[in-house]
Protein backbone atom coordinates (compact mmCIF):
# COMPACT_ATOMS: atom_id res chain seq x y z
CA UNK A 1 191.58 58.13 -65.65
CA UNK A 2 193.41 60.79 -63.24
CA UNK A 3 197.28 60.77 -62.68
CA UNK A 4 199.20 62.98 -60.31
CA UNK A 5 202.09 63.37 -59.40
CA UNK A 6 188.20 41.86 -52.47
CA UNK A 7 186.69 38.92 -50.96
CA UNK A 8 188.77 37.69 -53.69
CA UNK A 9 192.50 38.59 -54.06
CA UNK A 10 195.24 38.44 -57.00
CA UNK A 11 197.19 35.86 -57.49
CA UNK A 12 200.41 34.59 -55.28
CA UNK A 13 202.71 35.27 -58.25
CA UNK A 14 201.73 38.93 -57.80
CA UNK A 15 202.73 38.97 -54.40
CA UNK A 16 199.60 40.55 -53.03
CA UNK A 17 198.77 41.36 -49.28
CA UNK A 18 195.87 42.85 -47.84
CA UNK A 19 196.31 45.32 -44.88
CA UNK A 20 195.67 44.45 -41.19
CA UNK A 21 195.21 48.01 -40.54
CA UNK A 22 191.24 48.61 -40.02
CA UNK A 23 191.31 51.83 -38.47
CA UNK A 24 193.65 54.76 -37.78
CA UNK A 25 196.12 54.20 -35.10
CA UNK A 26 197.16 57.01 -33.01
CA UNK A 27 200.05 56.95 -30.60
CA UNK A 28 198.78 56.46 -27.35
CA UNK A 29 200.80 59.09 -25.30
CA UNK A 30 201.89 62.75 -26.40
CA UNK A 31 205.43 62.98 -26.03
CA UNK A 32 205.52 66.87 -25.20
CA UNK A 33 202.98 69.12 -23.04
CA UNK A 34 201.51 71.37 -25.46
CA UNK A 35 201.01 74.24 -23.36
CA UNK A 36 200.64 77.20 -25.36
CA UNK A 37 202.83 75.98 -28.22
CA UNK A 38 202.06 76.57 -31.90
CA UNK A 39 200.33 73.76 -33.40
CA UNK A 40 201.35 72.55 -36.75
CA UNK A 41 199.68 69.85 -38.64
CA UNK A 42 201.97 67.25 -40.88
CA UNK A 43 201.11 65.15 -43.82
CA UNK A 44 204.10 63.02 -43.94
CA UNK A 45 204.23 60.24 -46.49
CA UNK A 46 207.29 57.90 -45.71
CA UNK A 47 208.26 56.36 -48.70
CA UNK A 48 210.99 54.02 -49.82
CA UNK A 49 212.62 56.28 -52.11
CA UNK A 50 211.28 59.78 -51.68
CA UNK A 51 209.20 61.17 -49.15
CA UNK A 52 206.66 63.83 -49.18
CA UNK A 53 205.71 66.55 -46.53
CA UNK A 54 202.93 69.05 -46.45
CA UNK A 55 202.61 71.25 -43.09
CA UNK A 56 200.74 74.17 -41.77
CA UNK A 57 199.46 75.79 -38.80
CA UNK A 58 196.40 74.24 -37.28
CA UNK A 59 194.71 77.84 -36.96
CA UNK A 60 194.72 78.27 -40.81
CA UNK A 61 194.74 76.59 -44.14
CA UNK A 62 197.93 77.61 -46.07
CA UNK A 63 200.57 75.18 -46.36
CA UNK A 64 203.78 76.52 -44.81
CA UNK A 65 206.44 73.72 -45.97
CA UNK A 66 205.66 71.40 -49.36
CA UNK A 67 208.68 69.35 -50.00
CA UNK A 68 209.88 65.89 -51.72
CA UNK A 69 213.03 64.55 -50.09
CA UNK A 70 215.02 61.54 -50.95
CA UNK A 71 214.68 58.75 -48.13
CA UNK A 72 218.17 58.43 -47.79
CA UNK A 73 220.68 59.09 -44.65
CA UNK A 74 224.48 59.63 -45.19
CA UNK A 75 227.15 59.27 -42.21
CA UNK A 76 230.27 60.53 -42.57
CA UNK A 77 233.20 58.27 -43.25
CA UNK A 78 235.93 58.02 -40.93
CA UNK A 79 239.10 60.51 -41.62
CA UNK A 80 237.06 63.25 -43.04
CA UNK A 81 238.77 66.49 -43.61
CA UNK A 82 237.21 69.35 -41.86
CA UNK A 83 235.64 71.58 -44.08
CA UNK A 84 234.38 69.21 -46.89
CA UNK A 85 230.80 68.89 -45.21
CA UNK A 86 228.93 72.66 -44.20
CA UNK A 87 229.50 73.03 -40.18
CA UNK A 88 231.37 69.53 -40.54
CA UNK A 89 227.76 67.90 -39.98
CA UNK A 90 228.23 64.07 -39.57
CA UNK A 91 224.90 63.29 -40.73
CA UNK A 92 222.90 64.08 -43.64
CA UNK A 93 219.78 63.29 -45.41
CA UNK A 94 217.98 63.96 -48.56
CA UNK A 95 219.46 65.69 -51.54
CA UNK A 96 222.19 67.19 -48.98
CA UNK A 97 222.98 63.51 -48.82
CA UNK A 98 223.06 62.66 -52.27
CA UNK A 99 225.15 65.60 -53.00
CA UNK A 100 227.96 64.31 -50.70
CA UNK A 101 227.88 60.67 -51.60
CA UNK A 102 231.35 60.23 -51.95
CA UNK A 103 232.11 61.46 -48.33
CA UNK A 104 229.38 59.54 -46.95
CA UNK A 105 228.29 56.34 -46.29
CA UNK A 106 224.37 56.26 -47.71
CA UNK A 107 221.69 54.13 -46.13
CA UNK A 108 218.05 53.66 -46.88
CA UNK A 109 215.75 53.54 -44.05
CA UNK A 110 213.13 51.63 -45.51
CA UNK A 111 212.62 48.71 -47.80
CA UNK A 112 209.31 47.29 -49.73
CA UNK A 113 207.78 50.30 -47.83
CA UNK A 114 208.51 49.54 -44.57
CA UNK A 115 211.33 50.17 -42.05
CA UNK A 116 214.64 48.29 -42.71
CA UNK A 117 217.21 50.11 -40.65
CA UNK A 118 215.85 51.60 -37.29
CA UNK A 119 218.58 54.02 -36.46
CA UNK A 120 218.91 55.79 -39.98
CA UNK A 121 215.09 56.00 -39.92
CA UNK A 122 214.95 57.93 -36.33
CA UNK A 123 217.66 60.04 -37.76
CA UNK A 124 215.58 60.82 -41.21
CA UNK A 125 212.63 61.53 -39.21
CA UNK A 126 214.49 63.98 -36.70
CA UNK A 127 215.89 65.78 -39.79
CA UNK A 128 212.23 66.17 -41.27
CA UNK A 129 210.91 67.56 -37.96
CA UNK A 130 213.90 70.46 -38.39
CA UNK A 131 212.49 71.12 -41.83
CA UNK A 132 209.09 71.64 -40.47
CA UNK A 133 209.64 73.52 -37.06
CA UNK A 134 213.35 74.72 -37.21
CA UNK A 135 213.04 76.52 -33.72
CA UNK A 136 211.79 72.97 -32.20
CA UNK A 137 209.26 75.02 -30.58
CA UNK A 138 206.19 73.76 -31.89
CA UNK A 139 203.46 71.10 -31.25
CA UNK A 140 203.71 68.47 -34.06
CA UNK A 141 200.96 66.38 -35.05
CA UNK A 142 201.35 64.04 -37.93
CA UNK A 143 199.61 61.61 -39.92
CA UNK A 144 201.94 59.27 -41.49
CA UNK A 145 201.23 57.06 -44.44
CA UNK A 146 201.95 53.42 -44.16
CA UNK A 147 201.48 50.67 -46.94
CA UNK A 148 198.49 49.09 -47.24
CA UNK A 149 199.96 45.53 -46.30
CA UNK A 150 201.76 46.90 -43.37
CA UNK A 151 201.34 44.32 -40.37
CA UNK A 152 201.56 45.30 -36.59
CA UNK A 153 205.64 44.64 -36.40
CA UNK A 154 205.84 47.57 -38.88
CA UNK A 155 203.48 50.09 -37.85
CA UNK A 156 205.10 49.70 -34.21
CA UNK A 157 208.38 50.40 -36.03
CA UNK A 158 207.20 53.83 -37.27
CA UNK A 159 205.59 54.51 -34.10
CA UNK A 160 208.72 53.63 -32.17
CA UNK A 161 211.02 55.87 -34.37
CA UNK A 162 208.52 58.78 -34.34
CA UNK A 163 208.35 58.81 -30.46
CA UNK A 164 209.99 61.76 -29.06
CA UNK A 165 210.01 63.45 -32.56
CA UNK A 166 206.49 64.38 -33.11
CA UNK A 167 203.88 64.90 -30.32
CA UNK A 168 200.74 62.84 -32.02
CA UNK A 169 201.29 60.33 -34.55
CA UNK A 170 198.37 59.03 -36.63
CA UNK A 171 198.88 56.05 -39.12
CA UNK A 172 196.52 55.72 -42.29
CA UNK A 173 197.09 53.68 -45.22
CA UNK A 174 199.16 55.70 -48.17
CA UNK A 175 196.30 55.67 -50.98
CA UNK A 176 193.95 57.03 -48.14
CA UNK A 177 196.40 59.77 -47.07
CA UNK A 178 197.00 60.48 -50.91
CA UNK A 179 193.31 61.13 -50.96
CA UNK A 180 192.93 63.50 -48.44
CA UNK A 181 196.01 65.48 -50.18
CA UNK A 182 194.07 65.34 -53.15
CA UNK A 183 190.74 66.73 -52.02
CA UNK A 184 190.38 70.62 -52.23
CA UNK A 185 188.18 71.68 -49.41
CA UNK A 186 187.61 75.17 -51.03
CA UNK A 187 185.52 73.44 -53.88
CA UNK A 188 183.27 71.26 -51.27
CA UNK A 189 179.90 71.71 -52.03
CA UNK A 190 180.47 73.15 -55.57
CA UNK A 191 178.08 71.31 -58.00
CA UNK A 192 180.54 70.23 -60.59
CA UNK A 193 183.45 69.27 -57.95
CA UNK A 194 184.05 65.43 -57.81
CA UNK A 195 185.19 65.11 -54.12
CA UNK A 196 187.82 62.12 -54.26
CA UNK A 197 187.07 60.99 -50.82
CA UNK A 198 183.67 60.35 -51.49
CA UNK A 199 183.80 57.77 -54.08
CA UNK A 200 186.75 57.02 -55.77
CA UNK A 201 189.92 54.22 -56.61
CA UNK A 202 193.37 55.26 -55.88
CA UNK A 203 196.38 53.76 -57.07
CA UNK A 204 199.64 54.96 -55.30
CA UNK A 205 202.63 53.70 -57.01
CA UNK A 206 205.88 54.23 -54.74
CA UNK A 207 209.28 52.65 -54.79
CA UNK A 208 208.91 49.55 -52.66
CA UNK A 209 205.03 48.81 -53.12
CA UNK A 210 202.00 49.61 -55.20
CA UNK A 211 199.06 50.20 -52.80
CA UNK A 212 195.40 50.38 -54.15
CA UNK A 213 192.41 51.47 -52.37
CA UNK A 214 188.75 52.23 -52.39
CA UNK A 215 188.16 55.49 -50.83
CA UNK A 216 184.29 56.01 -50.15
CA UNK A 217 183.85 58.36 -47.60
CA UNK A 218 185.29 56.33 -44.52
CA UNK A 219 188.24 54.82 -43.12
CA UNK A 220 189.30 51.90 -45.27
CA UNK A 221 188.88 48.65 -44.50
CA UNK A 222 191.09 45.41 -45.03
CA UNK A 223 188.57 44.40 -48.19
CA UNK A 224 189.27 48.05 -49.34
CA UNK A 225 192.86 47.73 -50.13
CA UNK A 226 195.40 45.75 -52.02
CA UNK A 227 199.16 46.21 -51.67
CA UNK A 228 201.66 44.54 -53.96
CA UNK A 229 205.48 44.16 -53.28
CA UNK A 230 206.04 45.08 -56.70
CA UNK A 231 206.81 48.85 -57.67
CA UNK A 232 209.27 51.32 -58.83
CA UNK A 233 212.39 49.52 -57.22
CA UNK A 234 211.43 46.19 -58.88
CA UNK A 235 210.95 48.04 -62.14
CA UNK A 236 214.93 49.24 -61.56
CA UNK A 237 215.74 45.65 -60.89
CA UNK A 238 214.37 44.20 -63.95
CA UNK A 239 216.13 47.15 -65.90
CA UNK A 240 219.40 46.18 -64.13
CA UNK A 241 219.00 42.61 -65.03
CA UNK A 242 218.35 42.99 -68.60
CA UNK A 243 221.31 45.44 -68.74
CA UNK A 244 223.77 42.93 -67.63
CA UNK A 245 222.38 40.23 -70.05
CA UNK A 246 222.36 42.96 -72.98
CA UNK A 247 225.57 45.04 -71.74
CA UNK A 248 227.63 42.76 -69.38
CA UNK A 249 230.00 44.57 -66.95
CA UNK A 250 228.33 47.53 -67.77
CA UNK A 251 228.86 49.05 -64.32
CA UNK A 252 225.79 51.27 -63.83
CA UNK A 253 224.74 51.81 -60.27
CA UNK A 254 221.07 51.43 -59.20
CA UNK A 255 220.67 55.27 -59.21
CA UNK A 256 221.45 56.07 -62.56
CA UNK A 257 219.41 53.16 -63.73
CA UNK A 258 216.49 54.94 -61.43
CA UNK A 259 217.17 57.98 -63.41
CA UNK A 260 217.29 56.34 -66.71
CA UNK A 261 213.80 55.04 -65.91
CA UNK A 262 212.45 58.16 -64.51
CA UNK A 263 213.61 59.72 -67.85
CA UNK A 264 212.30 57.14 -70.24
CA UNK A 265 209.49 55.20 -68.64
CA UNK A 266 206.59 54.18 -70.49
CA UNK A 267 203.67 51.55 -70.64
CA UNK A 268 202.09 50.09 -74.00
CA UNK A 269 203.50 48.73 -77.10
CA UNK A 270 207.41 48.80 -77.34
CA UNK A 271 209.05 51.91 -78.27
CA UNK A 272 212.42 52.07 -80.32
CA UNK A 273 214.75 53.37 -80.37
CA UNK A 274 215.19 55.07 -77.10
CA UNK A 275 219.20 55.77 -77.21
CA UNK A 276 220.67 56.83 -73.85
CA UNK A 277 224.26 57.92 -73.46
CA UNK A 278 226.01 56.94 -70.20
CA UNK A 279 229.56 56.85 -68.94
CA UNK A 280 230.83 53.27 -68.58
CA UNK A 281 234.59 53.12 -67.28
CA UNK A 282 234.83 57.01 -68.09
CA UNK A 283 233.90 56.56 -71.71
CA UNK A 284 230.58 57.76 -73.18
CA UNK A 285 228.66 55.01 -74.73
CA UNK A 286 225.07 55.03 -76.30
CA UNK A 287 222.81 52.33 -75.44
CA UNK A 288 219.51 51.19 -76.80
CA UNK A 289 216.79 50.87 -74.11
CA UNK A 290 213.53 50.98 -75.70
CA UNK A 291 212.71 47.13 -75.40
CA UNK A 292 214.38 47.13 -71.67
CA UNK A 293 212.58 50.12 -70.18
CA UNK A 294 209.24 49.06 -71.74
CA UNK A 295 209.22 45.29 -70.61
CA UNK A 296 209.91 46.39 -67.13
CA UNK A 297 207.06 49.02 -66.95
CA UNK A 298 204.48 46.78 -69.07
CA UNK A 299 205.51 44.32 -65.73
CA UNK A 300 204.31 46.91 -63.21
CA UNK A 301 200.90 47.25 -65.50
CA UNK A 302 200.69 43.57 -65.54
CA UNK A 303 200.65 43.18 -61.82
CA UNK A 304 198.68 46.29 -61.07
CA UNK A 305 195.81 45.49 -63.71
CA UNK A 306 194.55 42.25 -61.76
CA UNK A 307 194.33 44.10 -58.46
CA UNK A 308 192.23 47.19 -59.74
CA UNK A 309 189.90 45.04 -61.31
CA UNK A 310 189.65 43.08 -58.20
CA UNK A 311 188.92 46.26 -56.14
CA UNK A 312 186.39 47.48 -58.37
CA UNK A 313 184.34 44.12 -58.36
CA UNK A 314 184.06 44.61 -54.35
CA UNK A 315 182.53 47.80 -54.77
CA UNK A 316 178.67 48.01 -54.46
CA UNK A 317 176.72 47.75 -57.75
CA UNK A 318 175.20 51.15 -56.64
CA UNK A 319 178.57 53.11 -56.38
CA UNK A 320 180.44 51.46 -59.34
CA UNK A 321 179.38 53.39 -61.93
CA UNK A 322 180.58 56.72 -60.32
CA UNK A 323 183.88 54.90 -59.04
CA UNK A 324 185.01 54.06 -62.53
CA UNK A 325 184.76 58.03 -63.39
CA UNK A 326 187.22 58.67 -60.62
CA UNK A 327 190.12 56.59 -60.68
CA UNK A 328 193.27 58.50 -59.40
CA UNK A 329 197.00 57.31 -60.06
CA UNK A 330 199.57 59.08 -57.59
CA UNK A 331 202.96 58.40 -56.44
CA UNK A 332 206.20 58.42 -58.49
CA UNK A 333 204.58 55.67 -60.81
CA UNK A 334 202.39 57.92 -62.03
CA UNK A 335 204.58 59.44 -64.10
CA UNK A 336 205.01 56.40 -66.27
CA UNK A 337 204.15 57.62 -69.91
CA UNK A 338 201.04 56.01 -70.61
CA UNK A 339 200.07 54.37 -67.66
CA UNK A 340 196.82 55.86 -66.98
CA UNK A 341 195.34 55.66 -71.22
CA UNK A 342 196.65 52.33 -71.22
CA UNK A 343 195.22 51.19 -67.71
CA UNK A 344 191.48 52.83 -69.18
CA UNK A 345 191.73 50.97 -72.51
CA UNK A 346 192.03 47.75 -70.89
CA UNK A 347 189.17 48.43 -68.49
CA UNK A 348 187.43 49.52 -71.64
CA UNK A 349 188.15 46.52 -73.62
CA UNK A 350 187.21 44.26 -70.73
CA UNK A 351 183.78 45.73 -70.70
CA UNK A 352 183.97 48.09 -68.08
CA UNK A 353 181.82 51.32 -68.28
CA UNK A 354 182.96 54.21 -69.37
CA UNK A 355 186.47 54.17 -67.08
CA UNK A 356 188.07 57.12 -66.36
């Protein structure tokens, strides 16, 4: 099993939802006349907590922009003293916004993988364009990832926010976008290279959703995808709730809890001790969080595994042997220690043939 960065369905408790997106959806009207302008192709994973951008000139193979940007927008507070923020900017995104969190009102444009705040989402996408094309002179064609369960209103929100920013927009399920990005075009046709787009199963664990998708050389259908409304943010919430019970009134922010999770996350048998030093009320404290972090991350594993086996069951008998050799975990959740090996062992224990 690789980590990177049905007609049956999973149970209601797993809060699963299948996609209504059966084919790529492109914005109907380009927003600018292309003329002889330079054309840039963009892959844009608009995530709940972090967004990934890959861009390059249409004429070449080189990647000119490769960035991961926190999906956050900050607006300057009233009465801010001149010079506190460079150029007296009133709107910042990503790391710049986080670095000035004391002077800004921070907003997350997305919740559970879909746009929750339209204006901040527009501002975020506009700023992303300046990262891709600082001169604002190129024609931008963007492929944007959406959760596998994104309905028509959610897709319309993304298209509307991108209108006037990108010249053309194509919406695709996030795991399919990940598979295309994982593909190494330079190795296609080599005898020992396994093309991930030919026959694989991608598990894309983000902040708002965990999306699973069969990738078999064509655009995935509704039955090829499962989306769970439980992912990194859900793990953060479980850790936060457990901390409140164990260490009441600890005052730790969600950002601090997320940092703790990212540094110490794991699945499998409970690991103790995991001692974490934090500041509470300006004083240093050491918290033992091995069980707290392990329980929360194992809950994610418990939700993903039934969806994984359901999708394997939907694959044709002719494809499943190779499919089991090409299961790929992507997204921020792929960094959880042991997730790949524990999933692989669970599949083997349940009788699946040589999963990898």
